Amino acid sequence: MRMIALYARVSTAEQANEGYSIDEQIDRLRKFCESQGRKDVTNYIDAGFTGANINRPAMQKLIKDVKDGKIDKVVVWKLDRLSRSQKDTLFLIEDVFLKNGADFESMNERFDTASSFGRAMIGILSVFAQLEREQIKERMAMGKEGRAK
């Protein structure tokens, strides 16, 4: 029997060390799946890894498991937990998950990857996730510059 993959991520080591949001993400995802009658879940957690790329240990294991046919659905709390790169988001969903028979669902952003409208919404939301990542970088650079002055 194939499993549902629960994927959770936080970006900073500080968030990871303090347990910020990882446990909450997994708890909510597990309850969400249970409400749909699915208890056959497995966790993939990248604590302290950026969403700017897919070079994350749990993400690489998830990709392998999807390609090996172990996963029939990937669920995230929010799309930006999967990736903050539009290119990577579309690659993961279209070329890895859907191509290998694994559905994708975001708990907070309700869309269906089986429809053209749902796939379009993923594209739009991934643009905003990437925009937020770039704005965070700009704010951090500005803060460093201000401290240097």
C-alpha atoms as a PDB file:
ATOM      1  CA  MET A   1       0.000   0.000   0.000  1.00  0.00           C
ATOM      2  CA  ARG A   2       1.281   3.454  -0.901  1.00  0.00           C
ATOM      3  CA  MET A   3       1.601   6.153   1.755  1.00  0.00           C
ATOM      4  CA  ILE A   4       0.743   9.821   2.071  1.00  0.00           C
ATOM      5  CA  ALA A   5       3.860  11.961   2.454  1.00  0.00           C
ATOM      6  CA  LEU A   6       3.571  14.815   4.941  1.00  0.00           C
ATOM      7  CA  TYR A   7       6.234  17.367   4.058  1.00  0.00           C
ATOM      8  CA  ALA A   8       7.220  20.107   6.534  1.00  0.00           C
ATOM      9  CA  ARG A   9      10.004  22.669   6.453  1.00  0.00           C
ATOM     10  CA  VAL A  10      11.317  25.681   8.335  1.00  0.00           C
ATOM     11  CA  SER A  11      14.083  27.886   6.985  1.00  0.00           C
ATOM     12  CA  THR A  12      16.363  28.794   9.854  1.00  0.00           C
ATOM     13  CA  ALA A  13      18.397  26.786  12.317  1.00  0.00           C
ATOM     14  CA  GLU A  14      16.903  28.916  15.095  1.00  0.00           C
ATOM     15  CA  GLN A  15      13.367  27.905  14.067  1.00  0.00           C
ATOM     16  CA  ALA A  16      14.464  24.277  13.841  1.00  0.00           C
ATOM     17  CA  ASN A  17      16.209  24.282  17.246  1.00  0.00           C
ATOM     18  CA  GLU A  18      13.216  25.850  18.954  1.00  0.00           C
ATOM     19  CA  GLY A  19      10.804  23.460  17.242  1.00  0.00           C
ATOM     20  CA  TYR A  20       9.070  26.434  15.654  1.00  0.00           C
ATOM     21  CA  SER A  21       6.177  25.261  13.522  1.00  0.00           C
ATOM     22  CA  ILE A  22       7.527  21.848  12.430  1.00  0.00           C
ATOM     23  CA  ASP A  23       5.591  19.924  15.084  1.00  0.00           C
ATOM     24  CA  GLU A  24       2.535  22.084  14.470  1.00  0.00           C
ATOM     25  CA  GLN A  25       2.734  21.580  10.700  1.00  0.00           C
ATOM     26  CA  ILE A  26       2.972  17.793  11.079  1.00  0.00           C
ATOM     27  CA  ASP A  27       0.201  17.666  13.690  1.00  0.00           C
ATOM     28  CA  ARG A  28      -2.194  19.643  11.498  1.00  0.00           C
ATOM     29  CA  LEU A  29      -1.301  17.643   8.389  1.00  0.00           C
ATOM     30  CA  ARG A  30      -1.819  14.353  10.214  1.00  0.00           C
ATOM     31  CA  LYS A  31      -5.227  15.474  11.517  1.00  0.00           C
ATOM     32  CA  PHE A  32      -6.163  16.741   8.040  1.00  0.00           C
ATOM     33  CA  CYS A  33      -5.394  13.333   6.515  1.00  0.00           C
ATOM     34  CA  GLU A  34      -7.204  11.502   9.315  1.00  0.00           C
ATOM     35  CA  SER A  35     -10.294  13.650   8.660  1.00  0.00           C
ATOM     36  CA  GLN A  36     -10.226  12.235   5.116  1.00  0.00           C
ATOM     37  CA  GLY A  37      -9.934   8.674   6.407  1.00  0.00           C
ATOM     38  CA  ARG A  38      -6.201   8.278   5.782  1.00  0.00           C
ATOM     39  CA  LYS A  39      -3.873   7.291   8.615  1.00  0.00           C
ATOM     40  CA  ASP A  40      -1.156   5.790   6.412  1.00  0.00           C
ATOM     41  CA  VAL A  41       1.206   8.759   6.550  1.00  0.00           C
ATOM     42  CA  THR A  42       4.954   9.200   6.698  1.00  0.00           C
ATOM     43  CA  ASN A  43       6.830  12.381   7.593  1.00  0.00           C
ATOM     44  CA  TYR A  44       9.485  14.179   5.551  1.00  0.00           C
ATOM     45  CA  ILE A  45      10.984  17.029   7.569  1.00  0.00           C
ATOM     46  CA  ASP A  46      13.603  19.565   6.518  1.00  0.00           C
ATOM     47  CA  ALA A  47      14.341  21.665   9.591  1.00  0.00           C
ATOM     48  CA  GLY A  48      16.594  24.649   8.985  1.00  0.00           C
ATOM     49  CA  PHE A  49      16.679  24.449   5.180  1.00  0.00           C
ATOM     50  CA  THR A  50      15.867  27.198   2.727  1.00  0.00           C
ATOM     51  CA  GLY A  51      13.022  26.814   0.270  1.00  0.00           C
ATOM     52  CA  ALA A  52      15.128  28.507  -2.410  1.00  0.00           C
ATOM     53  CA  ASN A  53      16.171  25.146  -3.877  1.00  0.00           C
ATOM     54  CA  ILE A  54      15.387  21.428  -3.556  1.00  0.00           C
ATOM     55  CA  ASN A  55      18.807  20.436  -2.203  1.00  0.00           C
ATOM     56  CA  ARG A  56      17.364  19.324   1.120  1.00  0.00           C
ATOM     57  CA  PRO A  57      17.788  15.838   2.638  1.00  0.00           C
ATOM     58  CA  ALA A  58      14.107  15.059   3.240  1.00  0.00           C
ATOM     59  CA  MET A  59      13.094  16.560  -0.111  1.00  0.00           C
ATOM     60  CA  GLN A  60      15.595  14.344  -1.919  1.00  0.00           C
ATOM     61  CA  LYS A  61      14.274  11.285  -0.054  1.00  0.00           C
ATOM     62  CA  LEU A  62      10.699  12.303  -0.898  1.00  0.00           C
ATOM     63  CA  ILE A  63      11.567  12.608  -4.599  1.00  0.00           C
ATOM     64  CA  LYS A  64      13.184   9.165  -4.529  1.00  0.00           C
ATOM     65  CA  ASP A  65      10.231   7.583  -2.698  1.00  0.00           C
ATOM     66  CA  VAL A  66       7.727   9.129  -5.127  1.00  0.00           C
ATOM     67  CA  LYS A  67       9.730   7.844  -8.098  1.00  0.00           C
ATOM     68  CA  ASP A  68       9.965   4.408  -6.421  1.00  0.00           C
ATOM     69  CA  GLY A  69       6.148   4.280  -6.180  1.00  0.00           C
ATOM     70  CA  LYS A  70       5.982   4.403  -2.366  1.00  0.00           C
ATOM     71  CA  ILE A  71       3.883   7.595  -2.205  1.00  0.00           C
ATOM     72  CA  ASP A  72       0.416   8.213  -3.644  1.00  0.00           C
ATOM     73  CA  LYS A  73      -0.072  11.734  -2.291  1.00  0.00           C
ATOM     74  CA  VAL A  74       2.087  14.594  -0.994  1.00  0.00           C
ATOM     75  CA  VAL A  75       0.493  16.992   1.478  1.00  0.00           C
ATOM     76  CA  VAL A  76       1.961  20.265   2.726  1.00  0.00           C
ATOM     77  CA  TRP A  77       0.613  22.819   5.183  1.00  0.00           C
ATOM     78  CA  LYS A  78       1.206  25.636   2.695  1.00  0.00           C
ATOM     79  CA  LEU A  79       2.705  25.701  -0.811  1.00  0.00           C
ATOM     80  CA  ASP A  80       5.718  27.776   0.268  1.00  0.00           C
ATOM     81  CA  ARG A  81       6.767  24.953   2.608  1.00  0.00           C
ATOM     82  CA  LEU A  82       7.379  22.837  -0.503  1.00  0.00           C
ATOM     83  CA  SER A  83       9.448  25.494  -2.255  1.00  0.00           C
ATOM     84  CA  ARG A  84       9.968  29.222  -2.614  1.00  0.00           C
ATOM     85  CA  SER A  85      11.090  28.832  -6.222  1.00  0.00           C
ATOM     86  CA  GLN A  86       8.461  28.861  -8.952  1.00  0.00           C
ATOM     87  CA  LYS A  87      10.618  26.662 -11.186  1.00  0.00           C
ATOM     88  CA  ASP A  88      11.196  24.066  -8.440  1.00  0.00           C
ATOM     89  CA  THR A  89       7.537  24.061  -7.391  1.00  0.00           C
ATOM     90  CA  LEU A  90       6.338  23.330 -10.903  1.00  0.00           C
ATOM     91  CA  PHE A  91       9.091  20.740 -11.409  1.00  0.00           C
ATOM     92  CA  LEU A  92       8.193  18.912  -8.199  1.00  0.00           C
ATOM     93  CA  ILE A  93       4.452  18.886  -8.788  1.00  0.00           C
ATOM     94  CA  GLU A  94       4.349  18.245 -12.527  1.00  0.00           C
ATOM     95  CA  ASP A  95       7.531  16.293 -13.273  1.00  0.00           C
ATOM     96  CA  VAL A  96       7.960  14.345 -10.053  1.00  0.00           C
ATOM     97  CA  PHE A  97       4.655  13.956  -8.199  1.00  0.00           C
ATOM     98  CA  LEU A  98       1.973  13.869 -10.900  1.00  0.00           C
ATOM     99  CA  LYS A  99       4.212  12.108 -13.444  1.00  0.00           C
ATOM    100  CA  ASN A 100       4.719   9.279 -10.926  1.00  0.00           C
ATOM    101  CA  GLY A 101       1.083   8.955  -9.832  1.00  0.00           C
ATOM    102  CA  ALA A 102       1.301  10.993  -6.633  1.00  0.00           C
ATOM    103  CA  ASP A 103      -1.348  13.652  -6.090  1.00  0.00           C
ATOM    104  CA  PHE A 104      -0.392  16.923  -4.430  1.00  0.00           C
ATOM    105  CA  GLU A 105      -2.415  18.881  -1.905  1.00  0.00           C
ATOM    106  CA  SER A 106      -1.829  22.012   0.121  1.00  0.00           C
ATOM    107  CA  MET A 107      -3.894  22.052   3.285  1.00  0.00           C
ATOM    108  CA  ASN A 108      -4.328  25.849   3.375  1.00  0.00           C
ATOM    109  CA  GLU A 109      -4.590  26.641  -0.332  1.00  0.00           C
ATOM    110  CA  ARG A 110      -7.413  24.529  -1.686  1.00  0.00           C
ATOM    111  CA  PHE A 111      -6.792  23.526  -5.290  1.00  0.00           C
ATOM    112  CA  ASP A 112      -6.970  20.355  -7.334  1.00  0.00           C
ATOM    113  CA  THR A 113      -3.871  19.429  -9.331  1.00  0.00           C
ATOM    114  CA  ALA A 114      -6.041  17.309 -11.630  1.00  0.00           C
ATOM    115  CA  SER A 115      -7.641  20.415 -13.181  1.00  0.00           C
ATOM    116  CA  SER A 116      -6.112  23.036 -15.460  1.00  0.00           C
ATOM    117  CA  PHE A 117      -7.387  25.761 -13.107  1.00  0.00           C
ATOM    118  CA  GLY A 118      -5.726  24.057 -10.120  1.00  0.00           C
ATOM    119  CA  ARG A 119      -2.407  23.803 -11.935  1.00  0.00           C
ATOM    120  CA  ALA A 120      -2.684  27.490 -12.917  1.00  0.00           C
ATOM    121  CA  MET A 121      -3.284  28.416  -9.266  1.00  0.00           C
ATOM    122  CA  ILE A 122      -0.138  26.543  -8.280  1.00  0.00           C
ATOM    123  CA  GLY A 123       1.805  28.621 -10.793  1.00  0.00           C
ATOM    124  CA  ILE A 124       0.373  31.854  -9.421  1.00  0.00           C
ATOM    125  CA  LEU A 125       0.961  30.931  -5.771  1.00  0.00           C
ATOM    126  CA  SER A 126       4.508  29.795  -6.485  1.00  0.00           C
ATOM    127  CA  VAL A 127       5.286  33.224  -7.995  1.00  0.00           C
ATOM    128  CA  PHE A 128       4.219  34.855  -4.724  1.00  0.00           C
ATOM    129  CA  ALA A 129       6.263  32.386  -2.649  1.00  0.00           C
ATOM    130  CA  GLN A 130       9.335  33.282  -4.704  1.00  0.00           C
ATOM    131  CA  LEU A 131       8.549  37.005  -4.391  1.00  0.00           C
ATOM    132  CA  GLU A 132       8.370  36.693  -0.600  1.00  0.00           C
ATOM    133  CA  ARG A 133      11.753  34.903  -0.512  1.00  0.00           C
ATOM    134  CA  GLU A 134      13.332  37.674  -2.571  1.00  0.00           C
ATOM    135  CA  GLN A 135      11.798  40.390  -0.383  1.00  0.00           C
ATOM    136  CA  ILE A 136      13.121  38.665   2.746  1.00  0.00           C
ATOM    137  CA  LYS A 137      16.612  38.694   1.207  1.00  0.00           C
ATOM    138  CA  GLU A 138      16.286  42.409   0.400  1.00  0.00           C
ATOM    139  CA  ARG A 139      15.155  43.247   3.942  1.00  0.00           C
ATOM    140  CA  MET A 140      17.999  41.238   5.453  1.00  0.00           C
ATOM    141  CA  ALA A 141      20.554  42.991   3.220  1.00  0.00           C
ATOM    142  CA  MET A 142      19.122  46.370   4.184  1.00  0.00           C
ATOM    143  CA  GLY A 143      19.299  45.431   7.871  1.00  0.00           C
ATOM    144  CA  LYS A 144      22.929  44.350   7.564  1.00  0.00           C
ATOM    145  CA  GLU A 145      23.773  47.582   5.787  1.00  0.00           C
ATOM    146  CA  GLY A 146      22.053  49.600   8.531  1.00  0.00           C
ATOM    147  CA  ARG A 147      23.980  47.774  11.277  1.00  0.00           C
ATOM    148  CA  ALA A 148      27.248  48.354   9.407  1.00  0.00           C
ATOM    149  CA  LYS A 149      26.574  52.101   9.293  1.00  0.00           C
END
